Amino acid sequence: MFDFDLHIDDSKGVGLEGIDLGFNTIIVDSDDAFWTEKIWKELIALEIESAVSKEV
């Protein structure tokens, strides 16, 4: 259905759709002053997870 690897949004509903439809999401809080740091941390975690799964 969708052809992307990651969706960054501030809607929790998008996170639920990601789970249902099989795409990664990063959901940020619109009030979070440090939202960019959250995105970077989650991107690094996704990259590590992807590298580990390729080794198995």
PDB file of N, CA and C in Angstrom:
ATOM      1  N   MET A   1       0.830  -1.191   0.000  1.00  0.00           N
ATOM      2  CA  MET A   1       0.000   0.000   0.000  1.00  0.00           C
ATOM      3  C   MET A   1       0.878   1.260   0.000  1.00  0.00           C
ATOM      4  N   PHE A   2       1.664   1.400   1.054  1.00  0.00           N
ATOM      5  CA  PHE A   2       2.572   2.542   1.120  1.00  0.00           C
ATOM      6  C   PHE A   2       3.960   2.066   0.744  1.00  0.00           C
ATOM      7  N   ASP A   3       4.739   2.950   0.148  1.00  0.00           N
ATOM      8  CA  ASP A   3       6.085   2.573  -0.278  1.00  0.00           C
ATOM      9  C   ASP A   3       7.109   3.500   0.369  1.00  0.00           C
ATOM     10  N   PHE A   4       7.145   3.491   1.706  1.00  0.00           N
ATOM     11  CA  PHE A   4       8.169   4.261   2.401  1.00  0.00           C
ATOM     12  C   PHE A   4       8.614   3.481   3.629  1.00  0.00           C
ATOM     13  N   ASP A   5       9.795   3.813   4.109  1.00  0.00           N
ATOM     14  CA  ASP A   5      10.378   3.076   5.221  1.00  0.00           C
ATOM     15  C   ASP A   5      10.070   3.691   6.575  1.00  0.00           C
ATOM     16  N   LEU A   6       9.823   5.000   6.606  1.00  0.00           N
ATOM     17  CA  LEU A   6       9.658   5.690   7.878  1.00  0.00           C
ATOM     18  C   LEU A   6       8.735   6.885   7.711  1.00  0.00           C
ATOM     19  N   HIS A   7       7.863   7.067   8.688  1.00  0.00           N
ATOM     20  CA  HIS A   7       6.963   8.223   8.705  1.00  0.00           C
ATOM     21  C   HIS A   7       7.151   8.910  10.058  1.00  0.00           C
ATOM     22  N   ILE A   8       7.491  10.195  10.024  1.00  0.00           N
ATOM     23  CA  ILE A   8       7.639  10.992  11.241  1.00  0.00           C
ATOM     24  C   ILE A   8       6.430  11.906  11.335  1.00  0.00           C
ATOM     25  N   ASP A   9       5.759  11.883  12.495  1.00  0.00           N
ATOM     26  CA  ASP A   9       4.509  12.625  12.630  1.00  0.00           C
ATOM     27  C   ASP A   9       4.267  12.956  14.096  1.00  0.00           C
ATOM     28  N   ASP A  10       3.254  13.779  14.339  1.00  0.00           N
ATOM     29  CA  ASP A  10       2.870  14.082  15.723  1.00  0.00           C
ATOM     30  C   ASP A  10       1.517  13.461  16.072  1.00  0.00           C
ATOM     31  N   SER A  11       1.040  12.569  15.230  1.00  0.00           N
ATOM     32  CA  SER A  11      -0.253  11.924  15.453  1.00  0.00           C
ATOM     33  C   SER A  11      -0.058  10.482  15.916  1.00  0.00           C
ATOM     34  N   LYS A  12      -0.592  10.171  17.080  1.00  0.00           N
ATOM     35  CA  LYS A  12      -0.511   8.795  17.580  1.00  0.00           C
ATOM     36  C   LYS A  12      -1.245   7.831  16.652  1.00  0.00           C
ATOM     37  N   GLY A  13      -2.256   8.316  15.949  1.00  0.00           N
ATOM     38  CA  GLY A  13      -2.976   7.487  14.991  1.00  0.00           C
ATOM     39  C   GLY A  13      -2.079   6.997  13.872  1.00  0.00           C
ATOM     40  N   VAL A  14      -1.154   7.829  13.443  1.00  0.00           N
ATOM     41  CA  VAL A  14      -0.198   7.413  12.410  1.00  0.00           C
ATOM     42  C   VAL A  14       0.672   6.280  12.942  1.00  0.00           C
ATOM     43  N   GLY A  15       1.035   6.353  14.221  1.00  0.00           N
ATOM     44  CA  GLY A  15       1.805   5.265  14.829  1.00  0.00           C
ATOM     45  C   GLY A  15       1.053   3.962  14.798  1.00  0.00           C
ATOM     46  N   LEU A  16      -0.232   4.013  15.082  1.00  0.00           N
ATOM     47  CA  LEU A  16      -1.060   2.809  15.031  1.00  0.00           C
ATOM     48  C   LEU A  16      -1.180   2.275  13.609  1.00  0.00           C
ATOM     49  N   GLU A  17      -1.319   3.169  12.644  1.00  0.00           N
ATOM     50  CA  GLU A  17      -1.378   2.739  11.242  1.00  0.00           C
ATOM     51  C   GLU A  17      -0.069   2.074  10.834  1.00  0.00           C
ATOM     52  N   GLY A  18       1.040   2.619  11.323  1.00  0.00           N
ATOM     53  CA  GLY A  18       2.336   2.022  11.018  1.00  0.00           C
ATOM     54  C   GLY A  18       2.424   0.592  11.512  1.00  0.00           C
ATOM     55  N   ILE A  19       1.915   0.353  12.713  1.00  0.00           N
ATOM     56  CA  ILE A  19       1.907  -1.006  13.256  1.00  0.00           C
ATOM     57  C   ILE A  19       1.025  -1.904  12.392  1.00  0.00           C
ATOM     58  N   ASP A  20      -0.171  -1.438  12.084  1.00  0.00           N
ATOM     59  CA  ASP A  20      -1.118  -2.240  11.300  1.00  0.00           C
ATOM     60  C   ASP A  20      -0.635  -2.514   9.877  1.00  0.00           C
ATOM     61  N   LEU A  21       0.010  -1.507   9.267  1.00  0.00           N
ATOM     62  CA  LEU A  21       0.372  -1.617   7.853  1.00  0.00           C
ATOM     63  C   LEU A  21       1.843  -1.946   7.613  1.00  0.00           C
ATOM     64  N   GLY A  22       2.617  -2.045   8.697  1.00  0.00           N
ATOM     65  CA  GLY A  22       3.983  -2.524   8.564  1.00  0.00           C
ATOM     66  C   GLY A  22       5.034  -1.504   8.166  1.00  0.00           C
ATOM     67  N   PHE A  23       4.893  -0.260   8.582  1.00  0.00           N
ATOM     68  CA  PHE A  23       5.959   0.709   8.339  1.00  0.00           C
ATOM     69  C   PHE A  23       6.383   1.341   9.662  1.00  0.00           C
ATOM     70  N   ASN A  24       7.643   1.758   9.705  1.00  0.00           N
ATOM     71  CA  ASN A  24       8.195   2.369  10.906  1.00  0.00           C
ATOM     72  C   ASN A  24       7.666   3.789  11.075  1.00  0.00           C
ATOM     73  N   THR A  25       7.461   4.159  12.319  1.00  0.00           N
ATOM     74  CA  THR A  25       7.040   5.520  12.620  1.00  0.00           C
ATOM     75  C   THR A  25       7.857   6.061  13.778  1.00  0.00           C
ATOM     76  N   ILE A  26       8.022   7.361  13.777  1.00  0.00           N
ATOM     77  CA  ILE A  26       8.528   8.090  14.929  1.00  0.00           C
ATOM     78  C   ILE A  26       7.476   9.140  15.231  1.00  0.00           C
ATOM     79  N   ILE A  27       6.895   9.049  16.412  1.00  0.00           N
ATOM     80  CA  ILE A  27       5.841   9.972  16.796  1.00  0.00           C
ATOM     81  C   ILE A  27       6.428  10.961  17.794  1.00  0.00           C
ATOM     82  N   VAL A  28       6.351  12.234  17.451  1.00  0.00           N
ATOM     83  CA  VAL A  28       6.879  13.283  18.315  1.00  0.00           C
ATOM     84  C   VAL A  28       5.723  14.052  18.937  1.00  0.00           C
ATOM     85  N   ASP A  29       5.976  14.573  20.114  1.00  0.00           N
ATOM     86  CA  ASP A  29       5.000  15.398  20.811  1.00  0.00           C
ATOM     87  C   ASP A  29       5.183  16.840  20.344  1.00  0.00           C
ATOM     88  N   SER A  30       4.126  17.475  19.921  1.00  0.00           N
ATOM     89  CA  SER A  30       4.224  18.845  19.403  1.00  0.00           C
ATOM     90  C   SER A  30       4.700  19.838  20.464  1.00  0.00           C
ATOM     91  N   ASP A  31       4.618  19.455  21.738  1.00  0.00           N
ATOM     92  CA  ASP A  31       5.095  20.319  22.818  1.00  0.00           C
ATOM     93  C   ASP A  31       6.531  20.020  23.233  1.00  0.00           C
ATOM     94  N   ASP A  32       7.152  19.028  22.612  1.00  0.00           N
ATOM     95  CA  ASP A  32       8.507  18.615  22.989  1.00  0.00           C
ATOM     96  C   ASP A  32       9.531  19.558  22.363  1.00  0.00           C
ATOM     97  N   ALA A  33      10.232  20.300  23.204  1.00  0.00           N
ATOM     98  CA  ALA A  33      11.250  21.229  22.719  1.00  0.00           C
ATOM     99  C   ALA A  33      12.458  20.497  22.139  1.00  0.00           C
ATOM    100  N   PHE A  34      12.600  19.211  22.481  1.00  0.00           N
ATOM    101  CA  PHE A  34      13.753  18.426  22.042  1.00  0.00           C
ATOM    102  C   PHE A  34      13.355  17.339  21.046  1.00  0.00           C
ATOM    103  N   TRP A  35      12.372  17.628  20.213  1.00  0.00           N
ATOM    104  CA  TRP A  35      11.862  16.629  19.277  1.00  0.00           C
ATOM    105  C   TRP A  35      12.909  16.186  18.271  1.00  0.00           C
ATOM    106  N   THR A  36      13.819  17.083  17.905  1.00  0.00           N
ATOM    107  CA  THR A  36      14.846  16.681  16.930  1.00  0.00           C
ATOM    108  C   THR A  36      15.776  15.629  17.522  1.00  0.00           C
ATOM    109  N   GLU A  37      16.104  15.782  18.811  1.00  0.00           N
ATOM    110  CA  GLU A  37      16.946  14.782  19.469  1.00  0.00           C
ATOM    111  C   GLU A  37      16.250  13.428  19.532  1.00  0.00           C
ATOM    112  N   LYS A  38      14.943  13.440  19.784  1.00  0.00           N
ATOM    113  CA  LYS A  38      14.182  12.189  19.809  1.00  0.00           C
ATOM    114  C   LYS A  38      14.255  11.500  18.452  1.00  0.00           C
ATOM    115  N   ILE A  39      14.094  12.268  17.393  1.00  0.00           N
ATOM    116  CA  ILE A  39      14.146  11.691  16.049  1.00  0.00           C
ATOM    117  C   ILE A  39      15.517  11.073  15.794  1.00  0.00           C
ATOM    118  N   TRP A  40      16.592  11.794  16.119  1.00  0.00           N
ATOM    119  CA  TRP A  40      17.939  11.259  15.898  1.00  0.00           C
ATOM    120  C   TRP A  40      18.161   9.980  16.686  1.00  0.00           C
ATOM    121  N   LYS A  41      17.747   9.953  17.960  1.00  0.00           N
ATOM    122  CA  LYS A  41      17.920   8.755  18.785  1.00  0.00           C
ATOM    123  C   LYS A  41      17.163   7.570  18.201  1.00  0.00           C
ATOM    124  N   GLU A  42      15.947   7.809  17.753  1.00  0.00           N
ATOM    125  CA  GLU A  42      15.151   6.709  17.198  1.00  0.00           C
ATOM    126  C   GLU A  42      15.683   6.260  15.838  1.00  0.00           C
ATOM    127  N   LEU A  43      16.207   7.198  15.046  1.00  0.00           N
ATOM    128  CA  LEU A  43      16.824   6.811  13.774  1.00  0.00           C
ATOM    129  C   LEU A  43      18.037   5.921  14.007  1.00  0.00           C
ATOM    130  N   ILE A  44      18.853   6.273  14.997  1.00  0.00           N
ATOM    131  CA  ILE A  44      20.025   5.456  15.320  1.00  0.00           C
ATOM    132  C   ILE A  44      19.579   4.072  15.796  1.00  0.00           C
ATOM    133  N   ALA A  45      18.554   4.022  16.641  1.00  0.00           N
ATOM    134  CA  ALA A  45      18.047   2.734  17.121  1.00  0.00           C
ATOM    135  C   ALA A  45      17.528   1.885  15.964  1.00  0.00           C
ATOM    136  N   LEU A  46      16.820   2.493  15.025  1.00  0.00           N
ATOM    137  CA  LEU A  46      16.316   1.750  13.864  1.00  0.00           C
ATOM    138  C   LEU A  46      17.465   1.228  13.006  1.00  0.00           C
ATOM    139  N   GLU A  47      18.506   2.030  12.860  1.00  0.00           N
ATOM    140  CA  GLU A  47      19.671   1.621  12.070  1.00  0.00           C
ATOM    141  C   GLU A  47      20.374   0.441  12.730  1.00  0.00           C
ATOM    142  N   ILE A  48      20.532   0.491  14.046  1.00  0.00           N
ATOM    143  CA  ILE A  48      21.160  -0.616  14.772  1.00  0.00           C
ATOM    144  C   ILE A  48      20.304  -1.874  14.651  1.00  0.00           C
ATOM    145  N   GLU A  49      19.007  -1.718  14.840  1.00  0.00           N
ATOM    146  CA  GLU A  49      18.084  -2.861  14.728  1.00  0.00           C
ATOM    147  C   GLU A  49      18.165  -3.491  13.340  1.00  0.00           C
ATOM    148  N   SER A  50      18.238  -2.650  12.315  1.00  0.00           N
ATOM    149  CA  SER A  50      18.314  -3.141  10.947  1.00  0.00           C
ATOM    150  C   SER A  50      19.637  -3.891  10.711  1.00  0.00           C
ATOM    151  N   ALA A  51      20.725  -3.353  11.232  1.00  0.00           N
ATOM    152  CA  ALA A  51      22.026  -3.999  11.059  1.00  0.00           C
ATOM    153  C   ALA A  51      22.076  -5.347  11.771  1.00  0.00           C
ATOM    154  N   VAL A  52      21.511  -5.419  12.957  1.00  0.00           N
ATOM    155  CA  VAL A  52      21.494  -6.665  13.723  1.00  0.00           C
ATOM    156  C   VAL A  52      20.658  -7.719  12.994  1.00  0.00           C
ATOM    157  N   SER A  53      19.507  -7.319  12.476  1.00  0.00           N
ATOM    158  CA  SER A  53      18.643  -8.283  11.795  1.00  0.00           C
ATOM    159  C   SER A  53      19.275  -8.806  10.507  1.00  0.00           C
ATOM    160  N   LYS A  54      20.136  -8.007   9.884  1.00  0.00           N
ATOM    161  CA  LYS A  54      20.825  -8.469   8.676  1.00  0.00           C
ATOM    162  C   LYS A  54      21.904  -9.486   9.009  1.00  0.00           C
ATOM    163  N   GLU A  55      22.459  -9.419  10.228  1.00  0.00           N
ATOM    164  CA  GLU A  55      23.505 -10.356  10.640  1.00  0.00           C
ATOM    165  C   GLU A  55      22.937 -11.732  10.942  1.00  0.00           C
ATOM    166  N   VAL A  56      21.668 -11.799  11.313  1.00  0.00           N
ATOM    167  CA  VAL A  56      21.072 -13.075  11.721  1.00  0.00           C
ATOM    168  C   VAL A  56      20.702 -13.918  10.557  1.00  0.00           C
TER     169      VAL A  56
END
